[in-house]
């Protein structure tokens, strides 16, 4: 398995198992199967509400001798309702308690917005802390302290665009180790990738296959299914791999890590097998040349000028 070295010296496998949208029982079985197959990178989050199952799968795999804890790279994310600096440690400990583990390998600020304490999901603008009152830099500084306490090994962000990263680095004095964003040929994030490479921030791609299983409320009636794109299908056939495998290989070939979600044992193994595939230059160029632009995860209900963003892009 290819690994990458983060800007703090820690290493992260380039391929991981995503757990967003995995139901509790499915999450447990998927984690166990992934670790058995050879995955060593598991991605989760407090808001996924399946961390108890993820943790049980990890702990049982360790007890059964399948893997050692030190070989697993485990990611979780600080939810938006824990952004107050005095709440950051509590949010992290809730995750650790649910997982039944002592530390995280990577802890990400899930979104560059802050909900008022106790608000799991906002109902309107009054449920957000304005950025001027709860700047992400203060939240990130509190997250860095978790690293000093030994609760996490690396600290990063998710869904941050260039302007948000620049502000975070300038105001906090810290550079995130990782930025996890939606990334695939319809949303290649070329400018962000170049910026992060310049700054030594590693990009991780979520929803790399188009997230067709996300809730219907998040879908557009006319959205283009990525796995059915004719170029993707034709190039995959030429490469002798599946469209999903092609998209995973493309992400790794670009120098990003990638966390496809699956609860299907055969698909979990199929995704893992492609990590060692060398993508042809023709395939890379064909996917790079796709000109369709579409974002599958778009929290429009969070768009409040002057509160959640101030003239720059809302998120990556």
C-alpha atoms as a PDB file:
ATOM      1  CA  UNK A   1       0.000   0.000   0.000  1.00  0.00           C
ATOM      2  CA  UNK A   2       1.347   3.392  -0.995  1.00  0.00           C
ATOM      3  CA  UNK A   3       1.767   5.766   1.921  1.00  0.00           C
ATOM      4  CA  UNK A   4       2.367   9.496   2.068  1.00  0.00           C
ATOM      5  CA  UNK A   5       4.348  11.510   4.580  1.00  0.00           C
ATOM      6  CA  UNK A   6       2.448  14.405   6.113  1.00  0.00           C
ATOM      7  CA  UNK A   7       4.025  17.756   6.971  1.00  0.00           C
ATOM      8  CA  UNK A   8       4.325  16.709  10.619  1.00  0.00           C
ATOM      9  CA  UNK A   9       6.291  13.561   9.749  1.00  0.00           C
ATOM     10  CA  UNK A  10       3.442  11.084  10.245  1.00  0.00           C
ATOM     11  CA  UNK A  11       2.573   8.676   7.436  1.00  0.00           C
ATOM     12  CA  UNK A  12      -0.878   7.987   5.986  1.00  0.00           C
ATOM     13  CA  UNK A  13      -1.961   5.216   3.580  1.00  0.00           C
ATOM     14  CA  UNK A  14      -3.119   6.630   0.260  1.00  0.00           C
ATOM     15  CA  UNK A  15      -6.236   4.449   0.199  1.00  0.00           C
ATOM     16  CA  UNK A  16      -8.742   4.286   3.024  1.00  0.00           C
ATOM     17  CA  UNK A  17     -12.225   3.035   3.773  1.00  0.00           C
ATOM     18  CA  UNK A  18     -14.857   5.753   4.030  1.00  0.00           C
ATOM     19  CA  UNK A  19     -17.699   5.230   6.515  1.00  0.00           C
ATOM     20  CA  UNK A  20     -20.050   8.132   5.732  1.00  0.00           C
ATOM     21  CA  UNK A  21     -23.544   6.738   5.087  1.00  0.00           C
ATOM     22  CA  UNK A  22     -22.620   3.315   6.515  1.00  0.00           C
ATOM     23  CA  UNK A  23     -25.351   2.130   8.857  1.00  0.00           C
ATOM     24  CA  UNK A  24     -24.290   0.859  12.251  1.00  0.00           C
ATOM     25  CA  UNK A  25     -24.188  -2.885  11.594  1.00  0.00           C
ATOM     26  CA  UNK A  26     -22.851  -2.354   8.098  1.00  0.00           C
ATOM     27  CA  UNK A  27     -20.102  -0.062   9.394  1.00  0.00           C
ATOM     28  CA  UNK A  28     -18.898  -2.723  11.845  1.00  0.00           C
ATOM     29  CA  UNK A  29     -18.793  -5.453   9.201  1.00  0.00           C
ATOM     30  CA  UNK A  30     -17.198  -3.180   6.592  1.00  0.00           C
ATOM     31  CA  UNK A  31     -14.380  -2.145   8.938  1.00  0.00           C
ATOM     32  CA  UNK A  32     -13.655  -5.734   9.918  1.00  0.00           C
ATOM     33  CA  UNK A  33     -13.620  -6.849   6.299  1.00  0.00           C
ATOM     34  CA  UNK A  34     -11.465  -3.932   5.191  1.00  0.00           C
ATOM     35  CA  UNK A  35      -8.845  -4.615   7.855  1.00  0.00           C
ATOM     36  CA  UNK A  36      -8.886  -8.322   6.968  1.00  0.00           C
ATOM     37  CA  UNK A  37      -8.326  -7.530   3.278  1.00  0.00           C
ATOM     38  CA  UNK A  38      -5.424  -5.211   4.040  1.00  0.00           C
ATOM     39  CA  UNK A  39      -6.752  -1.672   4.506  1.00  0.00           C
ATOM     40  CA  UNK A  40      -4.930   0.267   7.178  1.00  0.00           C
ATOM     41  CA  UNK A  41      -6.703   3.622   6.802  1.00  0.00           C
ATOM     42  CA  UNK A  42     -10.233   4.107   8.174  1.00  0.00           C
ATOM     43  CA  UNK A  43     -12.085   7.426   7.868  1.00  0.00           C
ATOM     44  CA  UNK A  44     -14.935   8.385  10.172  1.00  0.00           C
ATOM     45  CA  UNK A  45     -16.600  11.342  11.893  1.00  0.00           C
ATOM     46  CA  UNK A  46     -18.692  12.199  14.938  1.00  0.00           C
ATOM     47  CA  UNK A  47     -21.645  13.254  12.780  1.00  0.00           C
ATOM     48  CA  UNK A  48     -21.757   9.890  10.966  1.00  0.00           C
ATOM     49  CA  UNK A  49     -23.134   8.480  14.238  1.00  0.00           C
ATOM     50  CA  UNK A  50     -21.577   5.057  13.657  1.00  0.00           C
ATOM     51  CA  UNK A  51     -18.308   5.443  15.557  1.00  0.00           C
ATOM     52  CA  UNK A  52     -19.255   2.820  18.148  1.00  0.00           C
ATOM     53  CA  UNK A  53     -19.551   0.266  15.335  1.00  0.00           C
ATOM     54  CA  UNK A  54     -16.362   1.462  13.659  1.00  0.00           C
ATOM     55  CA  UNK A  55     -14.517   1.193  16.953  1.00  0.00           C
ATOM     56  CA  UNK A  56     -15.897  -2.271  17.664  1.00  0.00           C
ATOM     57  CA  UNK A  57     -14.677  -3.473  14.288  1.00  0.00           C
ATOM     58  CA  UNK A  58     -11.216  -2.064  14.953  1.00  0.00           C
ATOM     59  CA  UNK A  59     -10.965  -3.409  18.505  1.00  0.00           C
ATOM     60  CA  UNK A  60     -12.095  -6.904  17.526  1.00  0.00           C
ATOM     61  CA  UNK A  61      -9.633  -6.970  14.627  1.00  0.00           C
ATOM     62  CA  UNK A  62      -6.842  -6.067  17.044  1.00  0.00           C
ATOM     63  CA  UNK A  63      -7.951  -8.691  19.569  1.00  0.00           C
ATOM     64  CA  UNK A  64      -8.113 -11.340  16.843  1.00  0.00           C
ATOM     65  CA  UNK A  65      -4.558 -10.576  15.739  1.00  0.00           C
ATOM     66  CA  UNK A  66      -5.579  -9.298  12.310  1.00  0.00           C
ATOM     67  CA  UNK A  67      -3.815  -5.980  12.857  1.00  0.00           C
ATOM     68  CA  UNK A  68      -2.063  -3.953  15.530  1.00  0.00           C
ATOM     69  CA  UNK A  69      -3.358  -0.551  16.587  1.00  0.00           C
ATOM     70  CA  UNK A  70      -0.101   1.101  15.565  1.00  0.00           C
ATOM     71  CA  UNK A  71      -0.612  -0.078  11.979  1.00  0.00           C
ATOM     72  CA  UNK A  72      -4.032   1.559  11.633  1.00  0.00           C
ATOM     73  CA  UNK A  73      -4.439   5.160  10.487  1.00  0.00           C
ATOM     74  CA  UNK A  74      -7.759   6.292  11.964  1.00  0.00           C
ATOM     75  CA  UNK A  75      -9.358   9.625  11.071  1.00  0.00           C
ATOM     76  CA  UNK A  76     -12.290  11.383  12.711  1.00  0.00           C
ATOM     77  CA  UNK A  77     -13.717  14.899  12.536  1.00  0.00           C
ATOM     78  CA  UNK A  78     -14.723  17.635  14.935  1.00  0.00           C
ATOM     79  CA  UNK A  79     -18.374  18.507  14.349  1.00  0.00           C
ATOM     80  CA  UNK A  80     -19.502  22.086  13.891  1.00  0.00           C
ATOM     81  CA  UNK A  81     -21.205  22.279  17.296  1.00  0.00           C
ATOM     82  CA  UNK A  82     -17.864  21.783  19.100  1.00  0.00           C
ATOM     83  CA  UNK A  83     -16.020  24.773  17.607  1.00  0.00           C
ATOM     84  CA  UNK A  84     -15.835  26.833  20.781  1.00  0.00           C
ATOM     85  CA  UNK A  85     -12.232  26.353  21.992  1.00  0.00           C
ATOM     86  CA  UNK A  86     -13.460  25.116  25.370  1.00  0.00           C
ATOM     87  CA  UNK A  87     -15.614  22.474  23.612  1.00  0.00           C
ATOM     88  CA  UNK A  88     -12.985  21.038  21.268  1.00  0.00           C
ATOM     89  CA  UNK A  89     -11.542  18.545  23.742  1.00  0.00           C
ATOM     90  CA  UNK A  90     -15.036  17.394  24.740  1.00  0.00           C
ATOM     91  CA  UNK A  91     -15.880  16.735  21.077  1.00  0.00           C
ATOM     92  CA  UNK A  92     -12.711  14.714  20.632  1.00  0.00           C
ATOM     93  CA  UNK A  93     -13.283  12.711  23.800  1.00  0.00           C
ATOM     94  CA  UNK A  94     -16.846  11.897  22.730  1.00  0.00           C
ATOM     95  CA  UNK A  95     -15.393  10.368  19.585  1.00  0.00           C
ATOM     96  CA  UNK A  96     -12.686   8.463  21.465  1.00  0.00           C
ATOM     97  CA  UNK A  97     -15.212   7.146  23.974  1.00  0.00           C
ATOM     98  CA  UNK A  98     -17.494   5.960  21.179  1.00  0.00           C
ATOM     99  CA  UNK A  99     -14.594   4.276  19.406  1.00  0.00           C
ATOM    100  CA  UNK A 100     -13.241   2.756  22.612  1.00  0.00           C
ATOM    101  CA  UNK A 101      -9.738   3.835  21.622  1.00  0.00           C
ATOM    102  CA  UNK A 102      -7.112   6.057  23.224  1.00  0.00           C
ATOM    103  CA  UNK A 103      -6.068   8.276  20.312  1.00  0.00           C
ATOM    104  CA  UNK A 104      -6.787   9.308  16.743  1.00  0.00           C
ATOM    105  CA  UNK A 105      -4.183   9.369  14.006  1.00  0.00           C
ATOM    106  CA  UNK A 106      -5.834  12.350  12.330  1.00  0.00           C
ATOM    107  CA  UNK A 107      -8.456  14.797  13.584  1.00  0.00           C
ATOM    108  CA  UNK A 108     -10.060  17.162  11.103  1.00  0.00           C
ATOM    109  CA  UNK A 109     -12.230  20.255  11.509  1.00  0.00           C
ATOM    110  CA  UNK A 110     -15.207  18.941   9.553  1.00  0.00           C
ATOM    111  CA  UNK A 111     -16.442  22.256   8.091  1.00  0.00           C
ATOM    112  CA  UNK A 112     -15.249  25.878   8.263  1.00  0.00           C
ATOM    113  CA  UNK A 113     -18.462  26.939  10.008  1.00  0.00           C
ATOM    114  CA  UNK A 114     -19.507  26.922  13.665  1.00  0.00           C
ATOM    115  CA  UNK A 115     -22.909  25.940  15.053  1.00  0.00           C
ATOM    116  CA  UNK A 116     -23.928  27.294  18.414  1.00  0.00           C
ATOM    117  CA  UNK A 117     -23.351  24.842  21.252  1.00  0.00           C
ATOM    118  CA  UNK A 118     -25.932  22.069  21.388  1.00  0.00           C
ATOM    119  CA  UNK A 119     -27.062  22.540  17.776  1.00  0.00           C
ATOM    120  CA  UNK A 120     -26.422  19.273  15.963  1.00  0.00           C
ATOM    121  CA  UNK A 121     -27.972  20.695  12.785  1.00  0.00           C
ATOM    122  CA  UNK A 122     -28.926  24.355  12.248  1.00  0.00           C
ATOM    123  CA  UNK A 123     -32.447  25.502  11.486  1.00  0.00           C
ATOM    124  CA  UNK A 124     -31.470  29.012  10.400  1.00  0.00           C
ATOM    125  CA  UNK A 125     -28.829  31.748  10.624  1.00  0.00           C
ATOM    126  CA  UNK A 126     -29.341  32.241  14.371  1.00  0.00           C
ATOM    127  CA  UNK A 127     -27.958  28.738  14.962  1.00  0.00           C
ATOM    128  CA  UNK A 128     -24.527  29.717  13.603  1.00  0.00           C
ATOM    129  CA  UNK A 129     -21.720  31.576  15.299  1.00  0.00           C
ATOM    130  CA  UNK A 130     -20.633  34.374  12.954  1.00  0.00           C
ATOM    131  CA  UNK A 131     -17.043  33.864  11.827  1.00  0.00           C
ATOM    132  CA  UNK A 132     -16.117  37.152  13.477  1.00  0.00           C
ATOM    133  CA  UNK A 133     -17.179  35.737  16.850  1.00  0.00           C
ATOM    134  CA  UNK A 134     -15.946  32.165  16.408  1.00  0.00           C
ATOM    135  CA  UNK A 135     -13.001  32.260  13.976  1.00  0.00           C
ATOM    136  CA  UNK A 136     -11.787  28.910  12.688  1.00  0.00           C
ATOM    137  CA  UNK A 137      -8.243  29.825  13.760  1.00  0.00           C
ATOM    138  CA  UNK A 138      -9.243  29.713  17.429  1.00  0.00           C
ATOM    139  CA  UNK A 139     -10.870  26.328  16.944  1.00  0.00           C
ATOM    140  CA  UNK A 140      -7.801  25.020  15.164  1.00  0.00           C
ATOM    141  CA  UNK A 141      -5.479  26.269  17.890  1.00  0.00           C
ATOM    142  CA  UNK A 142      -7.524  24.246  20.387  1.00  0.00           C
ATOM    143  CA  UNK A 143      -7.260  21.201  18.126  1.00  0.00           C
ATOM    144  CA  UNK A 144      -3.476  21.532  18.029  1.00  0.00           C
ATOM    145  CA  UNK A 145      -3.489  21.295  21.822  1.00  0.00           C
ATOM    146  CA  UNK A 146      -5.105  17.857  21.496  1.00  0.00           C
ATOM    147  CA  UNK A 147      -1.988  16.758  19.659  1.00  0.00           C
ATOM    148  CA  UNK A 148       0.151  18.046  22.500  1.00  0.00           C
ATOM    149  CA  UNK A 149      -2.023  16.048  24.932  1.00  0.00           C
ATOM    150  CA  UNK A 150      -1.539  12.827  22.972  1.00  0.00           C
ATOM    151  CA  UNK A 151      -5.217  12.518  22.029  1.00  0.00           C
ATOM    152  CA  UNK A 152      -4.463  12.912  18.317  1.00  0.00           C
ATOM    153  CA  UNK A 153      -1.318  12.546  16.244  1.00  0.00           C
ATOM    154  CA  UNK A 154      -2.073  14.856  13.316  1.00  0.00           C
ATOM    155  CA  UNK A 155      -4.479  17.757  12.908  1.00  0.00           C
ATOM    156  CA  UNK A 156      -6.121  18.997   9.735  1.00  0.00           C
ATOM    157  CA  UNK A 157      -9.273  20.360   8.151  1.00  0.00           C
ATOM    158  CA  UNK A 158     -12.021  19.366   5.734  1.00  0.00           C
ATOM    159  CA  UNK A 159     -13.939  21.334   3.115  1.00  0.00           C
ATOM    160  CA  UNK A 160     -11.529  24.305   3.247  1.00  0.00           C
ATOM    161  CA  UNK A 161     -10.910  26.346   0.113  1.00  0.00           C
ATOM    162  CA  UNK A 162      -7.795  28.371  -0.614  1.00  0.00           C
ATOM    163  CA  UNK A 163      -9.047  31.587   1.018  1.00  0.00           C
ATOM    164  CA  UNK A 164     -10.073  29.761   4.183  1.00  0.00           C
ATOM    165  CA  UNK A 165      -6.725  27.964   4.366  1.00  0.00           C
ATOM    166  CA  UNK A 166      -4.810  31.198   3.901  1.00  0.00           C
ATOM    167  CA  UNK A 167      -6.769  32.849   6.706  1.00  0.00           C
ATOM    168  CA  UNK A 168      -6.390  29.843   9.009  1.00  0.00           C
ATOM    169  CA  UNK A 169      -2.623  29.639   8.531  1.00  0.00           C
ATOM    170  CA  UNK A 170      -2.147  33.386   8.894  1.00  0.00           C
ATOM    171  CA  UNK A 171      -4.251  33.750  12.038  1.00  0.00           C
ATOM    172  CA  UNK A 172      -3.312  30.530  13.852  1.00  0.00           C
ATOM    173  CA  UNK A 173       0.321  30.166  12.801  1.00  0.00           C
ATOM    174  CA  UNK A 174      -0.316  26.468  12.108  1.00  0.00           C
ATOM    175  CA  UNK A 175      -0.504  24.640   8.778  1.00  0.00           C
ATOM    176  CA  UNK A 176      -2.968  21.738   8.604  1.00  0.00           C
ATOM    177  CA  UNK A 177      -1.528  18.337   7.788  1.00  0.00           C
ATOM    178  CA  UNK A 178      -4.510  17.333   5.627  1.00  0.00           C
ATOM    179  CA  UNK A 179      -7.465  18.940   3.865  1.00  0.00           C
ATOM    180  CA  UNK A 180     -10.239  16.490   3.009  1.00  0.00           C
ATOM    181  CA  UNK A 181     -12.564  17.674   0.223  1.00  0.00           C
ATOM    182  CA  UNK A 182     -14.975  16.397  -2.393  1.00  0.00           C
ATOM    183  CA  UNK A 183     -12.722  15.518  -5.309  1.00  0.00           C
ATOM    184  CA  UNK A 184     -13.311  13.606  -8.549  1.00  0.00           C
ATOM    185  CA  UNK A 185     -13.146  14.376 -12.309  1.00  0.00           C
ATOM    186  CA  UNK A 186     -16.322  16.489 -12.127  1.00  0.00           C
ATOM    187  CA  UNK A 187     -14.839  18.502  -9.241  1.00  0.00           C
ATOM    188  CA  UNK A 188     -11.056  18.153  -9.692  1.00  0.00           C
ATOM    189  CA  UNK A 189     -10.101  21.028  -7.388  1.00  0.00           C
ATOM    190  CA  UNK A 190      -7.077  21.889  -9.541  1.00  0.00           C
ATOM    191  CA  UNK A 191      -6.388  25.283  -7.947  1.00  0.00           C
ATOM    192  CA  UNK A 192      -6.779  23.895  -4.441  1.00  0.00           C
ATOM    193  CA  UNK A 193      -4.551  20.910  -5.218  1.00  0.00           C
ATOM    194  CA  UNK A 194      -1.789  23.186  -6.498  1.00  0.00           C
ATOM    195  CA  UNK A 195      -2.058  25.443  -3.447  1.00  0.00           C
ATOM    196  CA  UNK A 196      -2.003  22.550  -0.986  1.00  0.00           C
ATOM    197  CA  UNK A 197       0.974  20.956  -2.696  1.00  0.00           C
ATOM    198  CA  UNK A 198       2.813  24.284  -2.433  1.00  0.00           C
ATOM    199  CA  UNK A 199       1.997  24.526   1.285  1.00  0.00           C
ATOM    200  CA  UNK A 200       2.674  20.880   2.105  1.00  0.00           C
ATOM    201  CA  UNK A 201      -0.982  20.144   2.912  1.00  0.00           C
ATOM    202  CA  UNK A 202      -2.109  16.720   1.780  1.00  0.00           C
ATOM    203  CA  UNK A 203      -5.464  16.471  -0.002  1.00  0.00           C
ATOM    204  CA  UNK A 204      -7.810  13.564   0.665  1.00  0.00           C
ATOM    205  CA  UNK A 205     -10.656  12.914  -1.772  1.00  0.00           C
ATOM    206  CA  UNK A 206     -14.111  12.105  -0.436  1.00  0.00           C
ATOM    207  CA  UNK A 207     -17.078  11.067  -2.599  1.00  0.00           C
ATOM    208  CA  UNK A 208     -14.545   9.964  -5.258  1.00  0.00           C
ATOM    209  CA  UNK A 209     -17.128   7.813  -7.060  1.00  0.00           C
ATOM    210  CA  UNK A 210     -19.955  10.355  -7.117  1.00  0.00           C
ATOM    211  CA  UNK A 211     -21.745   9.426  -3.874  1.00  0.00           C
ATOM    212  CA  UNK A 212     -24.809   7.968  -5.592  1.00  0.00           C
ATOM    213  CA  UNK A 213     -26.007   6.470  -2.291  1.00  0.00           C
ATOM    214  CA  UNK A 214     -26.298   9.768  -0.426  1.00  0.00           C
ATOM    215  CA  UNK A 215     -29.758  10.835   0.825  1.00  0.00           C
ATOM    216  CA  UNK A 216     -32.309  11.835  -1.801  1.00  0.00           C
ATOM    217  CA  UNK A 217     -32.641  15.245  -0.136  1.00  0.00           C
ATOM    218  CA  UNK A 218     -29.039  15.970  -1.155  1.00  0.00           C
ATOM    219  CA  UNK A 219     -29.555  15.050  -4.808  1.00  0.00           C
ATOM    220  CA  UNK A 220     -30.452  17.141  -7.842  1.00  0.00           C
ATOM    221  CA  UNK A 221     -32.983  15.746 -10.309  1.00  0.00           C
ATOM    222  CA  UNK A 222     -30.622  16.235 -13.248  1.00  0.00           C
ATOM    223  CA  UNK A 223     -27.260  15.407 -11.671  1.00  0.00           C
ATOM    224  CA  UNK A 224     -24.747  13.548 -13.887  1.00  0.00           C
ATOM    225  CA  UNK A 225     -23.820  10.097 -12.510  1.00  0.00           C
ATOM    226  CA  UNK A 226     -20.035   9.920 -12.481  1.00  0.00           C
ATOM    227  CA  UNK A 227     -19.748   6.136 -12.799  1.00  0.00           C
ATOM    228  CA  UNK A 228     -21.877   6.251 -15.965  1.00  0.00           C
ATOM    229  CA  UNK A 229     -19.768   8.890 -17.694  1.00  0.00           C
ATOM    230  CA  UNK A 230     -18.907   7.503 -21.182  1.00  0.00           C
ATOM    231  CA  UNK A 231     -15.245   8.517 -20.915  1.00  0.00           C
ATOM    232  CA  UNK A 232     -14.918   6.859 -17.515  1.00  0.00           C
ATOM    233  CA  UNK A 233     -16.561   3.683 -18.767  1.00  0.00           C
ATOM    234  CA  UNK A 234     -14.542   3.521 -22.004  1.00  0.00           C
ATOM    235  CA  UNK A 235     -11.177   4.173 -20.364  1.00  0.00           C
ATOM    236  CA  UNK A 236     -11.921   1.679 -17.593  1.00  0.00           C
ATOM    237  CA  UNK A 237     -12.631  -0.974 -20.229  1.00  0.00           C
ATOM    238  CA  UNK A 238      -9.345  -0.176 -21.990  1.00  0.00           C
ATOM    239  CA  UNK A 239      -7.467  -0.409 -18.677  1.00  0.00           C
ATOM    240  CA  UNK A 240      -9.174  -3.703 -17.835  1.00  0.00           C
ATOM    241  CA  UNK A 241     -10.619  -2.362 -14.578  1.00  0.00           C
ATOM    242  CA  UNK A 242     -14.010  -1.169 -13.358  1.00  0.00           C
ATOM    243  CA  UNK A 243     -15.088   2.487 -13.540  1.00  0.00           C
ATOM    244  CA  UNK A 244     -14.872   2.709  -9.764  1.00  0.00           C
ATOM    245  CA  UNK A 245     -11.358   1.317  -9.763  1.00  0.00           C
ATOM    246  CA  UNK A 246     -10.366   3.800 -12.455  1.00  0.00           C
ATOM    247  CA  UNK A 247     -11.557   6.754 -10.393  1.00  0.00           C
ATOM    248  CA  UNK A 248      -9.669   5.505  -7.324  1.00  0.00           C
ATOM    249  CA  UNK A 249      -6.501   4.980  -9.360  1.00  0.00           C
ATOM    250  CA  UNK A 250      -6.864   8.491 -10.839  1.00  0.00           C
ATOM    251  CA  UNK A 251      -7.070  10.041  -7.373  1.00  0.00           C
ATOM    252  CA  UNK A 252      -3.948   8.231  -6.167  1.00  0.00           C
ATOM    253  CA  UNK A 253      -2.094   9.010  -9.409  1.00  0.00           C
ATOM    254  CA  UNK A 254      -2.742  12.735  -8.870  1.00  0.00           C
ATOM    255  CA  UNK A 255      -0.978  12.618  -5.529  1.00  0.00           C
ATOM    256  CA  UNK A 256      -4.053  12.626  -3.298  1.00  0.00           C
ATOM    257  CA  UNK A 257      -5.343  10.029  -0.879  1.00  0.00           C
ATOM    258  CA  UNK A 258      -8.828   8.635  -1.432  1.00  0.00           C
ATOM    259  CA  UNK A 259     -11.491   7.127   0.845  1.00  0.00           C
ATOM    260  CA  UNK A 260     -14.197   5.302  -1.148  1.00  0.00           C
ATOM    261  CA  UNK A 261     -17.036   4.021   1.000  1.00  0.00           C
ATOM    262  CA  UNK A 262     -18.395   0.499   0.634  1.00  0.00           C
ATOM    263  CA  UNK A 263     -20.060  -2.097   2.826  1.00  0.00           C
ATOM    264  CA  UNK A 264     -19.967  -4.810   0.162  1.00  0.00           C
ATOM    265  CA  UNK A 265     -17.142  -7.331   0.807  1.00  0.00           C
ATOM    266  CA  UNK A 266     -16.392  -7.916  -2.875  1.00  0.00           C
ATOM    267  CA  UNK A 267     -16.359  -4.188  -3.596  1.00  0.00           C
ATOM    268  CA  UNK A 268     -14.140  -3.522  -0.580  1.00  0.00           C
ATOM    269  CA  UNK A 269     -11.634  -6.042  -1.952  1.00  0.00           C
ATOM    270  CA  UNK A 270     -12.001  -4.666  -5.487  1.00  0.00           C
ATOM    271  CA  UNK A 271     -11.249  -1.130  -4.329  1.00  0.00           C
ATOM    272  CA  UNK A 272      -8.247  -2.292  -2.327  1.00  0.00           C
ATOM    273  CA  UNK A 273      -6.797  -4.231  -5.276  1.00  0.00           C
ATOM    274  CA  UNK A 274      -6.570  -1.121  -7.446  1.00  0.00           C
ATOM    275  CA  UNK A 275      -4.225   0.696  -5.057  1.00  0.00           C
ATOM    276  CA  UNK A 276      -1.246  -0.997  -6.709  1.00  0.00           C
ATOM    277  CA  UNK A 277      -2.437  -0.288 -10.261  1.00  0.00           C
ATOM    278  CA  UNK A 278      -0.305   2.000 -12.425  1.00  0.00           C
ATOM    279  CA  UNK A 279      -2.536   4.304 -14.401  1.00  0.00           C
ATOM    280  CA  UNK A 280      -1.568   4.839 -18.020  1.00  0.00           C
ATOM    281  CA  UNK A 281      -0.793   8.364 -19.195  1.00  0.00           C
ATOM    282  CA  UNK A 282      -3.646   8.066 -21.691  1.00  0.00           C
ATOM    283  CA  UNK A 283      -6.107   7.241 -18.920  1.00  0.00           C
ATOM    284  CA  UNK A 284      -4.885  10.093 -16.745  1.00  0.00           C
ATOM    285  CA  UNK A 285      -5.149  12.567 -19.626  1.00  0.00           C
ATOM    286  CA  UNK A 286      -8.649  11.357 -20.535  1.00  0.00           C
ATOM    287  CA  UNK A 287      -9.973  11.850 -17.014  1.00  0.00           C
ATOM    288  CA  UNK A 288      -8.161  15.156 -16.630  1.00  0.00           C
ATOM    289  CA  UNK A 289      -9.866  16.284 -19.829  1.00  0.00           C
ATOM    290  CA  UNK A 290     -13.438  15.699 -18.644  1.00  0.00           C
ATOM    291  CA  UNK A 291     -15.087  19.120 -18.705  1.00  0.00           C
ATOM    292  CA  UNK A 292     -18.314  18.370 -16.806  1.00  0.00           C
ATOM    293  CA  UNK A 293     -18.378  20.270 -13.527  1.00  0.00           C
ATOM    294  CA  UNK A 294     -20.634  19.154 -10.712  1.00  0.00           C
ATOM    295  CA  UNK A 295     -20.542  19.014  -6.908  1.00  0.00           C
ATOM    296  CA  UNK A 296     -22.460  16.257  -5.131  1.00  0.00           C
ATOM    297  CA  UNK A 297     -22.239  17.620  -1.578  1.00  0.00           C
ATOM    298  CA  UNK A 298     -23.572  21.169  -1.382  1.00  0.00           C
ATOM    299  CA  UNK A 299     -24.982  22.421   1.952  1.00  0.00           C
ATOM    300  CA  UNK A 300     -26.899  25.369   0.490  1.00  0.00           C
ATOM    301  CA  UNK A 301     -28.856  25.802   3.711  1.00  0.00           C
ATOM    302  CA  UNK A 302     -25.617  26.950   5.355  1.00  0.00           C
ATOM    303  CA  UNK A 303     -25.000  29.869   2.984  1.00  0.00           C
ATOM    304  CA  UNK A 304     -25.324  33.097   4.999  1.00  0.00           C
ATOM    305  CA  UNK A 305     -23.202  36.062   3.827  1.00  0.00           C
ATOM    306  CA  UNK A 306     -21.501  37.779   6.740  1.00  0.00           C
ATOM    307  CA  UNK A 307     -22.107  34.803   9.015  1.00  0.00           C
ATOM    308  CA  UNK A 308     -20.758  31.630   7.393  1.00  0.00           C
ATOM    309  CA  UNK A 309     -18.692  33.416   4.779  1.00  0.00           C
ATOM    310  CA  UNK A 310     -17.520  36.953   4.105  1.00  0.00           C
ATOM    311  CA  UNK A 311     -17.155  37.531   0.415  1.00  0.00           C
ATOM    312  CA  UNK A 312     -14.913  34.565  -0.337  1.00  0.00           C
ATOM    313  CA  UNK A 313     -15.989  31.100  -1.417  1.00  0.00           C
ATOM    314  CA  UNK A 314     -18.007  29.328   1.247  1.00  0.00           C
ATOM    315  CA  UNK A 315     -15.999  26.111   1.129  1.00  0.00           C
ATOM    316  CA  UNK A 316     -13.867  23.957  -1.155  1.00  0.00           C
END
